[in-house]
């Protein structure tokens, strides 16, 4: 199977899995914990647009495993999604929301990219871009806008 056929099929798989998760969330009303990662390169932050779910610009990240700390989860998610092993994570705060029938706690952490190299060629993402926190792109997700309102993108200590 060619690379473009694999990417097309993988994107459809992500979308199907997301649709099935929404059904589960409606029935079970779970409490979920995850991480959103503010990866910095000088003054810019890395933003992604997923190929499934909310297609707005957001911070990379994902779900925490049972018993996993936010820092360990951030490191694992960025290693899996973007191929970079960043180990110096600083917690900025968390945002609690009720969306899609689930109770979500998203821990926001930050790390500097430094000399690490990202592998952004993943079917999980439609787009990946570096952006100034002062000029978020059109189509920013509500979660990204809330992180910005709380000061999580500003590079300093954020409000709780």
N, C-alpha and C. Protein backbone atom coordinates (compact mmCIF):
# COMPACT_ATOMS: atom_id res chain seq x y z
N UNK A 1 0.85 -1.17 0.00
CA UNK A 1 0.00 0.00 0.00
C UNK A 1 0.89 1.23 0.00
N UNK A 2 0.61 2.19 -0.88
CA UNK A 2 1.40 3.41 -0.96
C UNK A 2 1.20 4.29 0.25
N UNK A 3 2.14 5.22 0.46
CA UNK A 3 2.10 6.12 1.62
C UNK A 3 0.84 6.98 1.62
N UNK A 4 0.41 7.49 0.47
CA UNK A 4 -0.78 8.33 0.43
C UNK A 4 -2.04 7.51 0.69
N UNK A 5 -2.08 6.27 0.21
CA UNK A 5 -3.23 5.40 0.48
C UNK A 5 -3.29 5.06 1.97
N UNK A 6 -2.14 4.79 2.57
CA UNK A 6 -2.10 4.52 4.00
C UNK A 6 -2.59 5.74 4.79
N UNK A 7 -2.13 6.93 4.43
CA UNK A 7 -2.54 8.15 5.13
C UNK A 7 -4.04 8.36 5.01
N UNK A 8 -4.60 8.14 3.81
CA UNK A 8 -6.04 8.29 3.60
C UNK A 8 -6.80 7.30 4.48
N UNK A 9 -6.38 6.06 4.49
CA UNK A 9 -7.04 5.03 5.28
C UNK A 9 -6.90 5.30 6.78
N UNK A 10 -5.73 5.73 7.21
CA UNK A 10 -5.51 6.03 8.62
C UNK A 10 -6.39 7.19 9.08
N UNK A 11 -6.51 8.23 8.25
CA UNK A 11 -7.37 9.36 8.61
C UNK A 11 -8.82 8.91 8.77
N UNK A 12 -9.29 8.05 7.87
CA UNK A 12 -10.66 7.54 7.98
C UNK A 12 -10.82 6.69 9.24
N UNK A 13 -9.79 5.94 9.59
CA UNK A 13 -9.82 5.15 10.82
C UNK A 13 -9.91 6.02 12.06
N UNK A 14 -9.14 7.12 12.10
CA UNK A 14 -9.20 8.05 13.23
C UNK A 14 -10.61 8.64 13.35
N UNK A 15 -11.21 8.99 12.22
CA UNK A 15 -12.55 9.59 12.24
C UNK A 15 -13.59 8.58 12.72
N UNK A 16 -13.49 7.33 12.29
CA UNK A 16 -14.42 6.30 12.74
C UNK A 16 -14.27 6.06 14.24
N UNK A 17 -13.03 5.96 14.70
CA UNK A 17 -12.78 5.74 16.13
C UNK A 17 -13.34 6.89 16.95
N UNK A 18 -13.19 8.12 16.46
CA UNK A 18 -13.71 9.28 17.18
C UNK A 18 -15.24 9.23 17.26
N UNK A 19 -15.89 8.84 16.18
CA UNK A 19 -17.36 8.73 16.18
C UNK A 19 -17.81 7.68 17.19
N UNK A 20 -17.11 6.55 17.27
CA UNK A 20 -17.45 5.51 18.23
C UNK A 20 -17.21 5.98 19.67
N UNK A 21 -16.14 6.76 19.88
CA UNK A 21 -15.88 7.31 21.21
C UNK A 21 -17.01 8.23 21.65
N UNK A 22 -17.54 9.04 20.73
CA UNK A 22 -18.64 9.94 21.08
C UNK A 22 -19.87 9.16 21.56
N UNK A 23 -20.14 8.02 20.96
CA UNK A 23 -21.24 7.17 21.41
C UNK A 23 -20.96 6.67 22.82
N UNK A 24 -19.75 6.18 23.05
CA UNK A 24 -19.35 5.72 24.38
C UNK A 24 -19.49 6.84 25.41
N UNK A 25 -19.00 8.05 25.07
CA UNK A 25 -19.08 9.18 25.99
C UNK A 25 -20.53 9.50 26.35
N UNK A 26 -21.44 9.41 25.36
CA UNK A 26 -22.85 9.68 25.60
C UNK A 26 -23.43 8.69 26.60
N UNK A 27 -23.08 7.43 26.47
CA UNK A 27 -23.62 6.38 27.33
C UNK A 27 -22.95 6.40 28.71
N UNK A 28 -21.64 6.45 28.76
CA UNK A 28 -20.90 6.27 30.02
C UNK A 28 -20.66 7.56 30.80
N UNK A 29 -20.66 8.71 30.15
CA UNK A 29 -20.38 10.01 30.81
C UNK A 29 -19.09 9.94 31.64
N UNK A 30 -17.98 9.57 31.00
CA UNK A 30 -16.75 9.33 31.76
C UNK A 30 -16.06 10.61 32.24
N UNK A 31 -15.20 10.43 33.23
CA UNK A 31 -14.29 11.49 33.68
C UNK A 31 -12.94 11.16 33.05
N UNK A 32 -12.42 12.07 32.22
CA UNK A 32 -11.16 11.83 31.51
C UNK A 32 -10.12 12.85 31.92
N UNK A 33 -8.87 12.43 31.87
CA UNK A 33 -7.73 13.32 32.16
C UNK A 33 -6.77 13.25 30.98
N UNK A 34 -6.27 14.41 30.59
CA UNK A 34 -5.35 14.44 29.47
C UNK A 34 -4.36 15.57 29.62
N UNK A 35 -3.53 15.71 28.61
CA UNK A 35 -2.52 16.77 28.59
C UNK A 35 -2.62 17.55 27.28
N UNK A 36 -2.30 18.81 27.38
CA UNK A 36 -2.11 19.69 26.22
C UNK A 36 -0.71 20.27 26.39
N UNK A 37 0.07 20.18 25.33
CA UNK A 37 1.50 20.49 25.40
C UNK A 37 1.83 21.78 24.66
N UNK A 38 2.37 22.72 25.41
CA UNK A 38 2.85 23.98 24.84
C UNK A 38 4.33 23.75 24.53
N UNK A 39 4.61 23.45 23.26
CA UNK A 39 5.99 23.23 22.83
C UNK A 39 6.48 24.54 22.25
N UNK A 40 7.55 25.05 22.82
CA UNK A 40 8.08 26.36 22.41
C UNK A 40 9.32 26.22 21.54
N UNK A 41 9.40 27.09 20.56
CA UNK A 41 10.60 27.29 19.75
C UNK A 41 10.80 28.80 19.72
N UNK A 42 11.73 29.26 20.56
CA UNK A 42 11.90 30.68 20.81
C UNK A 42 10.58 31.24 21.32
N UNK A 43 9.95 32.17 20.59
CA UNK A 43 8.68 32.76 21.08
C UNK A 43 7.44 32.06 20.52
N UNK A 44 7.63 31.18 19.54
CA UNK A 44 6.49 30.52 18.91
C UNK A 44 6.08 29.25 19.64
N UNK A 45 4.82 28.84 19.43
CA UNK A 45 4.31 27.58 19.98
C UNK A 45 3.83 26.71 18.82
N UNK A 46 3.88 25.41 19.03
CA UNK A 46 3.46 24.46 18.01
C UNK A 46 1.95 24.23 18.13
N UNK A 47 1.25 24.34 17.00
CA UNK A 47 -0.18 24.08 16.94
C UNK A 47 -0.45 22.98 15.92
N UNK A 48 -1.52 22.22 16.14
CA UNK A 48 -1.89 21.13 15.23
C UNK A 48 -3.37 21.23 14.90
N UNK A 49 -3.72 20.68 13.74
CA UNK A 49 -5.11 20.46 13.36
C UNK A 49 -5.25 18.97 13.12
N UNK A 50 -6.09 18.32 13.94
CA UNK A 50 -6.26 16.88 13.82
C UNK A 50 -7.08 16.52 12.58
N UNK A 51 -6.92 15.29 12.13
CA UNK A 51 -7.68 14.78 10.98
C UNK A 51 -9.01 14.20 11.43
N UNK A 52 -9.36 14.35 12.71
CA UNK A 52 -10.60 13.82 13.27
C UNK A 52 -11.06 14.77 14.38
N UNK A 53 -12.30 14.62 14.82
CA UNK A 53 -12.79 15.41 15.95
C UNK A 53 -12.80 16.89 15.66
N UNK A 54 -12.45 17.67 16.67
CA UNK A 54 -12.37 19.12 16.52
C UNK A 54 -11.26 19.44 15.53
N UNK A 55 -11.60 20.05 14.43
CA UNK A 55 -10.60 20.34 13.39
C UNK A 55 -9.95 21.70 13.55
N UNK A 56 -10.28 22.39 14.64
CA UNK A 56 -9.66 23.69 14.88
C UNK A 56 -8.21 23.54 15.32
N UNK A 57 -7.47 24.63 15.26
CA UNK A 57 -6.08 24.64 15.72
C UNK A 57 -6.07 24.42 17.22
N UNK A 58 -5.17 23.56 17.68
CA UNK A 58 -5.06 23.29 19.11
C UNK A 58 -3.63 22.89 19.46
N UNK A 59 -3.39 22.76 20.74
CA UNK A 59 -2.10 22.28 21.22
C UNK A 59 -2.06 20.77 21.08
N UNK A 60 -0.90 20.19 20.75
CA UNK A 60 -0.82 18.73 20.71
C UNK A 60 -0.96 18.15 22.11
N UNK A 61 -1.33 16.89 22.17
CA UNK A 61 -1.47 16.22 23.46
C UNK A 61 -2.34 15.00 23.33
N UNK A 62 -2.89 14.55 24.45
CA UNK A 62 -3.74 13.38 24.42
C UNK A 62 -4.12 12.93 25.82
N UNK A 63 -4.67 11.75 25.91
CA UNK A 63 -5.17 11.18 27.16
C UNK A 63 -4.04 10.65 28.03
N UNK A 64 -4.24 10.76 29.34
CA UNK A 64 -3.31 10.16 30.29
C UNK A 64 -3.71 8.71 30.53
N UNK A 65 -2.73 7.86 30.70
CA UNK A 65 -2.99 6.47 31.10
C UNK A 65 -3.24 6.43 32.60
N UNK A 66 -3.90 5.39 33.05
CA UNK A 66 -4.18 5.24 34.48
C UNK A 66 -2.88 5.29 35.27
N UNK A 67 -2.84 6.18 36.28
CA UNK A 67 -1.68 6.31 37.15
C UNK A 67 -0.54 7.13 36.57
N UNK A 68 -0.67 7.60 35.35
CA UNK A 68 0.40 8.36 34.69
C UNK A 68 0.35 9.82 35.14
N UNK A 69 1.52 10.39 35.42
CA UNK A 69 1.58 11.80 35.79
C UNK A 69 1.43 12.65 34.53
N UNK A 70 0.99 13.91 34.68
CA UNK A 70 0.89 14.77 33.51
C UNK A 70 2.23 14.92 32.76
N UNK A 71 3.34 15.06 33.47
CA UNK A 71 4.64 15.21 32.80
C UNK A 71 5.01 13.95 32.01
N UNK A 72 4.77 12.78 32.59
CA UNK A 72 5.06 11.53 31.88
C UNK A 72 4.13 11.38 30.67
N UNK A 73 2.87 11.79 30.82
CA UNK A 73 1.93 11.72 29.71
C UNK A 73 2.31 12.66 28.58
N UNK A 74 2.74 13.87 28.93
CA UNK A 74 3.17 14.83 27.91
C UNK A 74 4.38 14.28 27.14
N UNK A 75 5.33 13.75 27.86
CA UNK A 75 6.52 13.18 27.21
C UNK A 75 6.14 12.04 26.26
N UNK A 76 5.26 11.14 26.73
CA UNK A 76 4.85 10.00 25.91
C UNK A 76 4.07 10.46 24.67
N UNK A 77 3.11 11.35 24.86
CA UNK A 77 2.29 11.82 23.74
C UNK A 77 3.13 12.50 22.67
N UNK A 78 4.05 13.37 23.07
CA UNK A 78 4.87 14.08 22.08
C UNK A 78 5.84 13.12 21.40
N UNK A 79 6.34 12.15 22.12
CA UNK A 79 7.22 11.14 21.50
C UNK A 79 6.42 10.34 20.47
N UNK A 80 5.17 9.93 20.82
CA UNK A 80 4.36 9.13 19.90
C UNK A 80 3.87 9.95 18.70
N UNK A 81 3.38 11.16 18.95
CA UNK A 81 2.76 11.94 17.89
C UNK A 81 3.76 12.68 17.02
N UNK A 82 4.86 13.15 17.61
CA UNK A 82 5.77 14.04 16.89
C UNK A 82 7.22 13.58 16.88
N UNK A 83 7.51 12.44 17.50
CA UNK A 83 8.84 11.86 17.43
C UNK A 83 9.91 12.57 18.23
N UNK A 84 9.55 13.54 19.08
CA UNK A 84 10.54 14.27 19.87
C UNK A 84 10.48 13.81 21.32
N UNK A 85 11.63 13.57 21.92
CA UNK A 85 11.70 13.14 23.31
C UNK A 85 12.08 14.34 24.17
N UNK A 86 11.07 15.04 24.66
CA UNK A 86 11.29 16.21 25.52
C UNK A 86 11.04 15.77 26.95
N UNK A 87 11.99 16.04 27.84
CA UNK A 87 11.82 15.54 29.20
C UNK A 87 11.76 16.61 30.28
N UNK A 88 11.86 17.88 29.91
CA UNK A 88 11.84 18.95 30.91
C UNK A 88 10.50 19.70 30.82
N UNK A 89 9.45 19.07 31.35
CA UNK A 89 8.09 19.63 31.29
C UNK A 89 7.78 20.42 32.55
N UNK A 90 7.12 21.56 32.38
CA UNK A 90 6.69 22.40 33.50
C UNK A 90 5.18 22.55 33.42
N UNK A 91 4.49 22.24 34.52
CA UNK A 91 3.03 22.32 34.52
C UNK A 91 2.59 23.77 34.67
N UNK A 92 1.66 24.19 33.80
CA UNK A 92 1.14 25.55 33.80
C UNK A 92 -0.17 25.68 34.55
N UNK A 93 -0.97 24.64 34.53
CA UNK A 93 -2.29 24.67 35.15
C UNK A 93 -3.19 23.67 34.46
N UNK A 94 -4.48 23.73 34.76
CA UNK A 94 -5.41 22.79 34.13
C UNK A 94 -6.71 23.51 33.80
N UNK A 95 -7.44 22.93 32.87
CA UNK A 95 -8.75 23.43 32.47
C UNK A 95 -9.72 22.26 32.55
N UNK A 96 -10.83 22.48 33.25
CA UNK A 96 -11.87 21.47 33.38
C UNK A 96 -13.02 21.88 32.46
N UNK A 97 -13.51 20.92 31.68
CA UNK A 97 -14.63 21.23 30.77
C UNK A 97 -15.59 20.05 30.70
N UNK A 98 -16.80 20.34 30.25
CA UNK A 98 -17.79 19.31 29.96
C UNK A 98 -18.14 19.49 28.50
N UNK A 99 -17.66 18.56 27.70
CA UNK A 99 -17.89 18.63 26.26
C UNK A 99 -18.11 17.21 25.76
N UNK A 100 -19.00 17.06 24.81
CA UNK A 100 -19.27 15.75 24.22
C UNK A 100 -19.62 14.71 25.28
N UNK A 101 -20.35 15.14 26.32
CA UNK A 101 -20.87 14.24 27.35
C UNK A 101 -19.82 13.67 28.29
N UNK A 102 -18.63 14.24 28.30
CA UNK A 102 -17.62 13.74 29.22
C UNK A 102 -17.11 14.89 30.09
N UNK A 103 -16.55 14.55 31.22
CA UNK A 103 -15.96 15.52 32.14
C UNK A 103 -14.45 15.44 31.91
N UNK A 104 -13.89 16.50 31.38
CA UNK A 104 -12.48 16.51 30.96
C UNK A 104 -11.64 17.41 31.84
N UNK A 105 -10.49 16.92 32.28
CA UNK A 105 -9.48 17.75 32.90
C UNK A 105 -8.25 17.70 32.01
N UNK A 106 -7.88 18.85 31.47
CA UNK A 106 -6.71 18.94 30.58
C UNK A 106 -5.60 19.69 31.31
N UNK A 107 -4.53 18.97 31.63
CA UNK A 107 -3.36 19.57 32.26
C UNK A 107 -2.52 20.19 31.15
N UNK A 108 -2.12 21.44 31.32
CA UNK A 108 -1.30 22.13 30.33
C UNK A 108 0.13 22.19 30.85
N UNK A 109 1.06 21.72 30.01
CA UNK A 109 2.47 21.70 30.36
C UNK A 109 3.25 22.35 29.23
N UNK A 110 4.43 22.84 29.55
CA UNK A 110 5.27 23.44 28.52
C UNK A 110 6.68 22.86 28.55
N UNK A 111 7.30 22.89 27.36
CA UNK A 111 8.70 22.47 27.22
C UNK A 111 9.29 23.21 26.02
N UNK A 112 10.56 23.42 26.06
CA UNK A 112 11.29 24.01 24.94
C UNK A 112 11.69 22.90 23.97
N UNK A 113 11.56 23.17 22.68
CA UNK A 113 11.97 22.18 21.68
C UNK A 113 13.48 22.01 21.68
N UNK A 114 14.20 23.09 21.86
CA UNK A 114 15.66 23.01 21.84
C UNK A 114 16.17 22.46 20.52
N UNK A 115 17.06 21.48 20.59
CA UNK A 115 17.66 20.89 19.39
C UNK A 115 16.87 19.68 18.86
N UNK A 116 15.79 19.31 19.54
CA UNK A 116 15.00 18.16 19.10
C UNK A 116 14.40 18.42 17.72
N UNK A 117 14.22 17.34 16.98
CA UNK A 117 13.64 17.42 15.63
C UNK A 117 12.26 16.77 15.68
N UNK A 118 11.28 17.45 15.09
CA UNK A 118 9.93 16.92 15.05
C UNK A 118 9.68 16.14 13.77
N UNK A 119 8.90 15.07 13.88
CA UNK A 119 8.42 14.32 12.71
C UNK A 119 6.93 14.61 12.61
N UNK A 120 6.57 15.57 11.73
CA UNK A 120 5.18 16.03 11.65
C UNK A 120 4.39 15.33 10.55
N UNK A 121 4.95 14.30 9.97
CA UNK A 121 4.29 13.56 8.89
C UNK A 121 3.46 12.42 9.48
N UNK A 122 2.34 12.78 10.10
CA UNK A 122 1.48 11.79 10.75
C UNK A 122 0.07 11.91 10.20
N UNK A 123 -0.59 10.78 9.93
CA UNK A 123 -1.98 10.86 9.46
C UNK A 123 -2.92 11.39 10.53
N UNK A 124 -2.45 11.50 11.77
CA UNK A 124 -3.28 12.05 12.84
C UNK A 124 -3.53 13.55 12.64
N UNK A 125 -2.62 14.22 11.90
CA UNK A 125 -2.71 15.67 11.73
C UNK A 125 -2.99 16.03 10.28
N UNK A 126 -3.91 16.99 10.09
CA UNK A 126 -4.09 17.60 8.77
C UNK A 126 -3.04 18.68 8.55
N UNK A 127 -2.72 19.43 9.62
CA UNK A 127 -1.73 20.51 9.53
C UNK A 127 -0.99 20.65 10.85
N UNK A 128 0.24 21.12 10.76
CA UNK A 128 1.07 21.43 11.92
C UNK A 128 1.77 22.74 11.59
N UNK A 129 1.78 23.69 12.55
CA UNK A 129 2.40 24.99 12.27
C UNK A 129 2.94 25.61 13.55
N UNK A 130 3.98 26.41 13.39
CA UNK A 130 4.48 27.24 14.48
C UNK A 130 3.74 28.56 14.41
N UNK A 131 3.40 29.10 15.57
CA UNK A 131 2.58 30.30 15.62
C UNK A 131 2.98 31.17 16.79
N UNK A 132 2.88 32.48 16.61
CA UNK A 132 3.08 33.40 17.71
C UNK A 132 1.85 33.38 18.61
N UNK A 133 2.02 33.25 19.92
CA UNK A 133 0.85 33.27 20.81
C UNK A 133 0.06 34.57 20.72
N UNK A 134 0.71 35.65 20.28
CA UNK A 134 0.03 36.93 20.15
C UNK A 134 -0.84 37.00 18.89
N UNK A 135 -0.64 36.07 17.96
CA UNK A 135 -1.38 36.08 16.70
C UNK A 135 -1.85 34.68 16.36
N UNK A 136 -2.82 34.18 17.12
CA UNK A 136 -3.34 32.84 16.87
C UNK A 136 -4.05 32.81 15.52
N UNK A 137 -3.96 31.69 14.82
CA UNK A 137 -4.54 31.61 13.48
C UNK A 137 -6.07 31.58 13.51
N UNK A 138 -6.66 31.96 12.41
CA UNK A 138 -8.10 31.83 12.26
C UNK A 138 -8.45 30.35 12.36
N UNK A 139 -9.55 30.05 13.01
CA UNK A 139 -9.94 28.65 13.17
C UNK A 139 -9.38 28.02 14.43
N UNK A 140 -8.93 28.84 15.39
CA UNK A 140 -8.43 28.30 16.66
C UNK A 140 -9.58 27.64 17.41
N UNK A 141 -9.32 26.49 18.01
CA UNK A 141 -10.35 25.78 18.79
C UNK A 141 -10.67 26.56 20.06
N UNK A 142 -11.83 26.29 20.62
CA UNK A 142 -12.21 26.93 21.89
C UNK A 142 -11.22 26.56 22.99
N UNK A 143 -10.72 25.33 22.97
CA UNK A 143 -9.74 24.90 23.97
C UNK A 143 -8.45 25.73 23.88
N UNK A 144 -8.00 26.03 22.66
CA UNK A 144 -6.80 26.85 22.47
C UNK A 144 -7.06 28.27 22.94
N UNK A 145 -8.22 28.82 22.61
CA UNK A 145 -8.56 30.18 23.03
C UNK A 145 -8.64 30.28 24.56
N UNK A 146 -9.17 29.25 25.20
CA UNK A 146 -9.23 29.25 26.67
C UNK A 146 -7.83 29.17 27.26
N UNK A 147 -6.96 28.36 26.68
CA UNK A 147 -5.56 28.29 27.15
C UNK A 147 -4.89 29.66 27.01
N UNK A 148 -5.18 30.35 25.93
CA UNK A 148 -4.61 31.68 25.72
C UNK A 148 -5.17 32.67 26.75
N UNK A 149 -6.47 32.63 27.02
CA UNK A 149 -7.10 33.51 28.00
C UNK A 149 -6.50 33.30 29.39
N UNK A 150 -6.13 32.08 29.70
CA UNK A 150 -5.56 31.78 31.02
C UNK A 150 -4.06 32.07 31.10
N UNK A 151 -3.46 32.47 30.00
CA UNK A 151 -2.05 32.83 30.00
C UNK A 151 -1.11 31.66 29.79
N UNK A 152 -1.62 30.50 29.40
CA UNK A 152 -0.78 29.31 29.22
C UNK A 152 0.14 29.44 28.00
N UNK A 153 -0.16 30.30 27.08
CA UNK A 153 0.66 30.43 25.87
C UNK A 153 1.70 31.54 25.99
N UNK A 154 1.64 32.33 27.06
CA UNK A 154 2.46 33.51 27.17
C UNK A 154 3.90 33.29 27.58
N UNK A 155 4.25 32.10 28.01
CA UNK A 155 5.64 31.84 28.35
C UNK A 155 6.00 32.11 29.79
N UNK A 156 5.07 32.58 30.58
CA UNK A 156 5.36 32.84 31.98
C UNK A 156 4.41 32.06 32.86
N UNK A 157 4.39 32.40 34.13
CA UNK A 157 3.47 31.73 35.05
C UNK A 157 2.05 32.07 34.67
N UNK A 158 1.20 31.09 34.68
CA UNK A 158 -0.19 31.27 34.26
C UNK A 158 -1.11 31.28 35.46
N UNK A 159 -2.29 31.81 35.22
CA UNK A 159 -3.32 31.79 36.25
C UNK A 159 -3.85 30.38 36.41
N UNK A 160 -4.27 29.99 37.61
CA UNK A 160 -4.77 28.62 37.81
C UNK A 160 -6.08 28.38 37.09
